[in-house]
Amino acid sequence: MLLQIAQPLPPALLAECQAMAVQDALFSPGKATAGWHARERKHNLQARGEPAVQGLLARVAEALAAHPLIRSAARPRSVVRLLLSRYETGMAYGNHVDDALMDGQRTDLSFTLFLSGPQDYAGGRLVIDEPAGERAFAMQSGDMLLYPSTSLHRVEPVTQGRRLVIVGWIRSQVRSAEAREILFDLDRVIAALRSNGDAGESLELLLKTRSNLLRLWAED
């Protein structure tokens, strides 16, 4: 399941991320954080792990993990890692699959939080390979794409301007992507019934079903 999420960060926090993303002195080649195979395909810049960077990314992780839509779709147990990345003109990231384990944790979902919008650069689309074909994304500044870490994906070459993003990975309480989607659909139906003021037997049965599926599928 791919999910486009509009503006998951508070505006002030987003502005801080955008300001840090243009500080040239913080960045170095991104190959160092890629696996052995992806390293040859990765041509971008990433902010080094300086205290100011880590502090800001920790606040981003906290905000994302608390976002209602992300909580429903991802069931996050932890935000495994965040990287502040830049793609200058000519930079790209070829086809790759994200590492299955990072910092000793399984990666179930990946995300890209767009700090710059499509008007700020040309090319640089995030392309994800799905069974029905490839899908390309260049989202508005502040928007986020959540997608399975099992996906083959790439960033096409930036031909003009500068592409600024935060990328990250989530370990879910629910390992199965199919199970997460079922729970997400149940959440949507429950929310719709509650918004219509329906507190009847149907809602109670759905709440029971969701709770029992979580007991069946969730990992401690």
Protein backbone atom coordinates (compact mmCIF):
# COMPACT_ATOMS: atom_id res chain seq x y z
CA MET A 1 0.00 0.00 0.00
CA LEU A 2 1.28 3.43 -0.97
CA LEU A 3 -0.16 6.36 0.94
CA GLN A 4 0.20 10.07 0.20
CA ILE A 5 -0.03 12.13 3.40
CA ALA A 6 -0.54 15.88 3.25
CA GLN A 7 1.51 18.07 5.60
CA PRO A 8 2.23 15.67 8.50
CA LEU A 9 4.62 18.12 10.22
CA PRO A 10 3.64 21.33 12.01
CA PRO A 11 4.51 24.33 9.79
CA ALA A 12 7.20 25.64 12.16
CA LEU A 13 8.99 22.28 12.27
CA LEU A 14 8.80 21.96 8.50
CA ALA A 15 10.35 25.42 8.15
CA GLU A 16 13.22 24.40 10.46
CA CYS A 17 13.90 21.33 8.30
CA GLN A 18 13.89 23.42 5.14
CA ALA A 19 16.32 25.92 6.67
CA MET A 20 18.72 23.18 7.76
CA ALA A 21 18.54 21.49 4.35
CA VAL A 22 20.20 24.48 2.65
CA GLN A 23 23.17 24.71 5.04
CA ASP A 24 25.95 23.50 2.76
CA ALA A 25 28.47 22.90 5.55
CA LEU A 26 26.35 20.11 7.05
CA PHE A 27 26.36 17.85 3.98
CA SER A 28 28.66 15.17 2.61
CA PRO A 29 28.26 12.38 -0.01
CA GLY A 30 25.44 10.00 0.83
CA LYS A 31 27.14 6.78 -0.21
CA ALA A 32 28.29 6.15 3.35
CA THR A 33 24.78 5.21 4.53
CA ALA A 34 23.93 2.85 1.65
CA GLY A 35 24.35 -0.92 1.52
CA TRP A 36 27.14 -2.41 -0.59
CA HIS A 37 24.96 -2.81 -3.70
CA ALA A 38 23.01 0.46 -3.43
CA ARG A 39 26.21 2.39 -2.73
CA GLU A 40 27.23 2.23 -6.38
CA ARG A 41 23.87 3.68 -7.42
CA LYS A 42 23.56 6.42 -4.82
CA HIS A 43 24.65 9.90 -5.86
CA ASN A 44 23.31 12.48 -3.43
CA LEU A 45 24.28 14.47 -0.35
CA GLN A 46 23.24 13.79 3.24
CA ALA A 47 23.47 15.80 6.42
CA ARG A 48 26.08 14.42 8.78
CA GLY A 49 25.07 13.22 12.24
CA GLU A 50 25.87 16.43 14.08
CA PRO A 51 23.94 17.18 17.28
CA ALA A 52 21.79 19.90 15.69
CA VAL A 53 20.83 17.57 12.83
CA GLN A 54 20.08 14.63 15.12
CA GLY A 55 18.05 16.82 17.45
CA LEU A 56 15.91 18.14 14.63
CA LEU A 57 15.38 14.69 13.10
CA ALA A 58 14.39 13.29 16.50
CA ARG A 59 11.63 15.90 16.69
CA VAL A 60 10.53 15.00 13.17
CA ALA A 61 10.39 11.31 14.10
CA GLU A 62 8.31 12.11 17.18
CA ALA A 63 5.86 14.21 15.16
CA LEU A 64 5.47 11.59 12.45
CA ALA A 65 4.99 8.72 14.91
CA ALA A 66 2.19 10.69 16.59
CA HIS A 67 0.37 11.61 13.36
CA PRO A 68 -3.06 9.87 13.32
CA LEU A 69 -2.91 8.76 9.68
CA ILE A 70 0.63 7.40 10.01
CA ARG A 71 -0.28 5.60 13.22
CA SER A 72 -3.24 3.97 11.48
CA ALA A 73 -1.43 3.00 8.28
CA ALA A 74 1.97 2.03 9.71
CA ARG A 75 1.24 0.94 13.31
CA PRO A 76 4.76 2.16 14.18
CA ARG A 77 6.73 0.38 16.84
CA SER A 78 9.65 2.69 16.14
CA VAL A 79 10.99 5.14 13.59
CA VAL A 80 14.22 3.31 12.79
CA ARG A 81 16.25 6.04 11.09
CA LEU A 82 15.88 9.44 9.43
CA LEU A 83 18.19 11.07 6.87
CA LEU A 84 18.17 14.64 5.61
CA SER A 85 19.11 14.42 1.91
CA ARG A 86 19.84 16.73 -1.00
CA TYR A 87 19.98 16.10 -4.72
CA GLU A 88 21.79 18.76 -6.70
CA THR A 89 21.58 19.00 -10.49
CA GLY A 90 22.88 15.77 -12.02
CA MET A 91 22.39 13.65 -8.89
CA ALA A 92 20.23 10.51 -8.77
CA TYR A 93 19.72 7.22 -6.93
CA GLY A 94 19.37 4.13 -9.15
CA ASN A 95 17.03 1.19 -8.62
CA HIS A 96 17.44 -0.39 -5.19
CA VAL A 97 15.61 -2.00 -2.28
CA ASP A 98 16.15 -0.55 1.18
CA ASP A 99 18.11 -2.61 3.69
CA ALA A 100 15.94 -5.11 5.56
CA LEU A 101 17.71 -4.33 8.85
CA MET A 102 18.90 -0.94 10.05
CA ASP A 103 20.36 -0.29 13.48
CA GLY A 104 19.34 -3.83 14.45
CA GLN A 105 15.69 -3.29 13.57
CA ARG A 106 13.52 -4.61 10.75
CA THR A 107 12.37 -2.02 8.21
CA ASP A 108 8.75 -2.55 7.20
CA LEU A 109 7.87 0.83 5.70
CA SER A 110 9.85 3.58 4.03
CA PHE A 111 8.88 7.20 3.59
CA THR A 112 9.97 10.30 1.76
CA LEU A 113 9.03 13.69 3.20
CA PHE A 114 9.38 16.33 0.49
CA LEU A 115 10.92 19.59 1.73
CA SER A 116 11.03 21.18 -1.73
CA GLY A 117 8.15 21.19 -4.18
CA PRO A 118 8.02 20.23 -7.87
CA GLN A 119 8.39 23.90 -8.83
CA ASP A 120 11.86 23.92 -7.23
CA TYR A 121 13.50 21.29 -9.43
CA ALA A 122 13.11 19.32 -12.67
CA GLY A 123 13.48 15.56 -12.87
CA GLY A 124 14.19 13.91 -9.52
CA ARG A 125 10.94 11.95 -9.37
CA LEU A 126 10.65 9.11 -6.88
CA VAL A 127 9.73 6.07 -8.99
CA ILE A 128 8.30 2.99 -7.29
CA ASP A 129 7.94 -0.34 -9.07
CA GLU A 130 4.56 -1.99 -8.45
CA PRO A 131 3.03 -5.12 -9.97
CA ALA A 132 0.81 -2.95 -12.20
CA GLY A 133 3.78 -0.84 -13.36
CA GLU A 134 5.95 2.01 -12.23
CA ARG A 135 4.53 5.08 -10.46
CA ALA A 136 6.39 8.38 -10.24
CA PHE A 137 6.00 11.00 -7.50
CA ALA A 138 7.08 14.62 -7.10
CA MET A 139 4.91 15.85 -4.25
CA GLN A 140 4.27 19.29 -2.82
CA SER A 141 6.59 20.74 -0.19
CA GLY A 142 5.67 19.29 3.21
CA ASP A 143 3.84 16.25 1.85
CA MET A 144 4.95 12.67 2.49
CA LEU A 145 4.83 9.35 0.67
CA LEU A 146 4.66 6.15 2.75
CA TYR A 147 5.44 2.87 0.95
CA PRO A 148 6.58 -0.70 1.68
CA SER A 149 10.32 -1.11 2.26
CA THR A 150 10.14 -4.20 0.07
CA SER A 151 9.58 -2.00 -3.00
CA LEU A 152 12.13 -1.59 -5.75
CA HIS A 153 12.46 2.17 -6.26
CA ARG A 154 14.74 4.93 -7.57
CA VAL A 155 15.19 8.70 -7.74
CA GLU A 156 15.52 9.91 -11.31
CA PRO A 157 18.32 12.38 -12.15
CA VAL A 158 17.68 15.98 -11.13
CA THR A 159 18.09 18.01 -14.30
CA GLN A 160 17.58 21.47 -12.79
CA GLY A 161 17.37 22.95 -9.30
CA ARG A 162 17.70 21.17 -5.97
CA ARG A 163 15.60 18.36 -4.48
CA LEU A 164 15.40 18.42 -0.65
CA VAL A 165 13.88 15.52 1.29
CA ILE A 166 13.84 13.63 4.56
CA VAL A 167 13.80 9.88 4.09
CA GLY A 168 13.10 7.39 6.85
CA TRP A 169 12.09 3.90 7.85
CA ILE A 170 9.51 2.48 10.24
CA ARG A 171 9.36 -0.80 12.09
CA SER A 172 5.70 -1.73 12.44
CA GLN A 173 3.98 -3.59 15.27
CA VAL A 174 2.30 -5.57 12.46
CA ARG A 175 4.79 -7.33 10.19
CA SER A 176 2.39 -8.24 7.36
CA ALA A 177 1.59 -5.53 4.81
CA GLU A 178 -1.73 -7.24 4.05
CA ALA A 179 -2.68 -7.21 7.73
CA ARG A 180 -1.75 -3.53 8.05
CA GLU A 181 -3.99 -2.69 5.11
CA ILE A 182 -6.93 -4.58 6.60
CA LEU A 183 -6.51 -2.74 9.91
CA PHE A 184 -6.19 0.58 8.07
CA ASP A 185 -9.45 -0.10 6.21
CA LEU A 186 -11.17 -0.97 9.48
CA ASP A 187 -9.94 2.29 11.01
CA ARG A 188 -11.42 4.22 8.08
CA VAL A 189 -14.82 2.53 8.42
CA ILE A 190 -14.86 3.04 12.19
CA ALA A 191 -13.97 6.73 11.77
CA ALA A 192 -16.75 7.17 9.19
CA LEU A 193 -19.34 5.58 11.48
CA ARG A 194 -18.25 7.71 14.44
CA SER A 195 -18.38 10.89 12.37
CA ASN A 196 -21.97 10.02 11.44
CA GLY A 197 -22.88 9.60 15.10
CA ASP A 198 -23.36 5.84 14.76
CA ALA A 199 -22.70 4.23 18.15
CA GLY A 200 -24.75 1.12 17.47
CA GLU A 201 -24.05 -2.58 17.36
CA SER A 202 -22.23 -2.41 14.00
CA LEU A 203 -19.62 -0.06 15.45
CA GLU A 204 -19.17 -2.25 18.51
CA LEU A 205 -18.60 -5.33 16.34
CA LEU A 206 -16.05 -3.48 14.21
CA LEU A 207 -14.18 -2.30 17.31
CA LYS A 208 -14.17 -5.87 18.63
CA THR A 209 -12.89 -7.18 15.29
CA ARG A 210 -10.11 -4.61 15.10
CA SER A 211 -8.97 -5.36 18.66
CA ASN A 212 -8.97 -9.11 18.09
CA LEU A 213 -7.06 -8.79 14.80
CA LEU A 214 -4.45 -6.68 16.59
CA ARG A 215 -4.12 -9.39 19.23
CA LEU A 216 -3.64 -11.93 16.46
CA TRP A 217 -1.15 -9.95 14.35
CA ALA A 218 0.70 -7.48 16.60
CA GLU A 219 4.21 -8.17 17.87
CA ASP A 220 5.26 -7.05 21.35
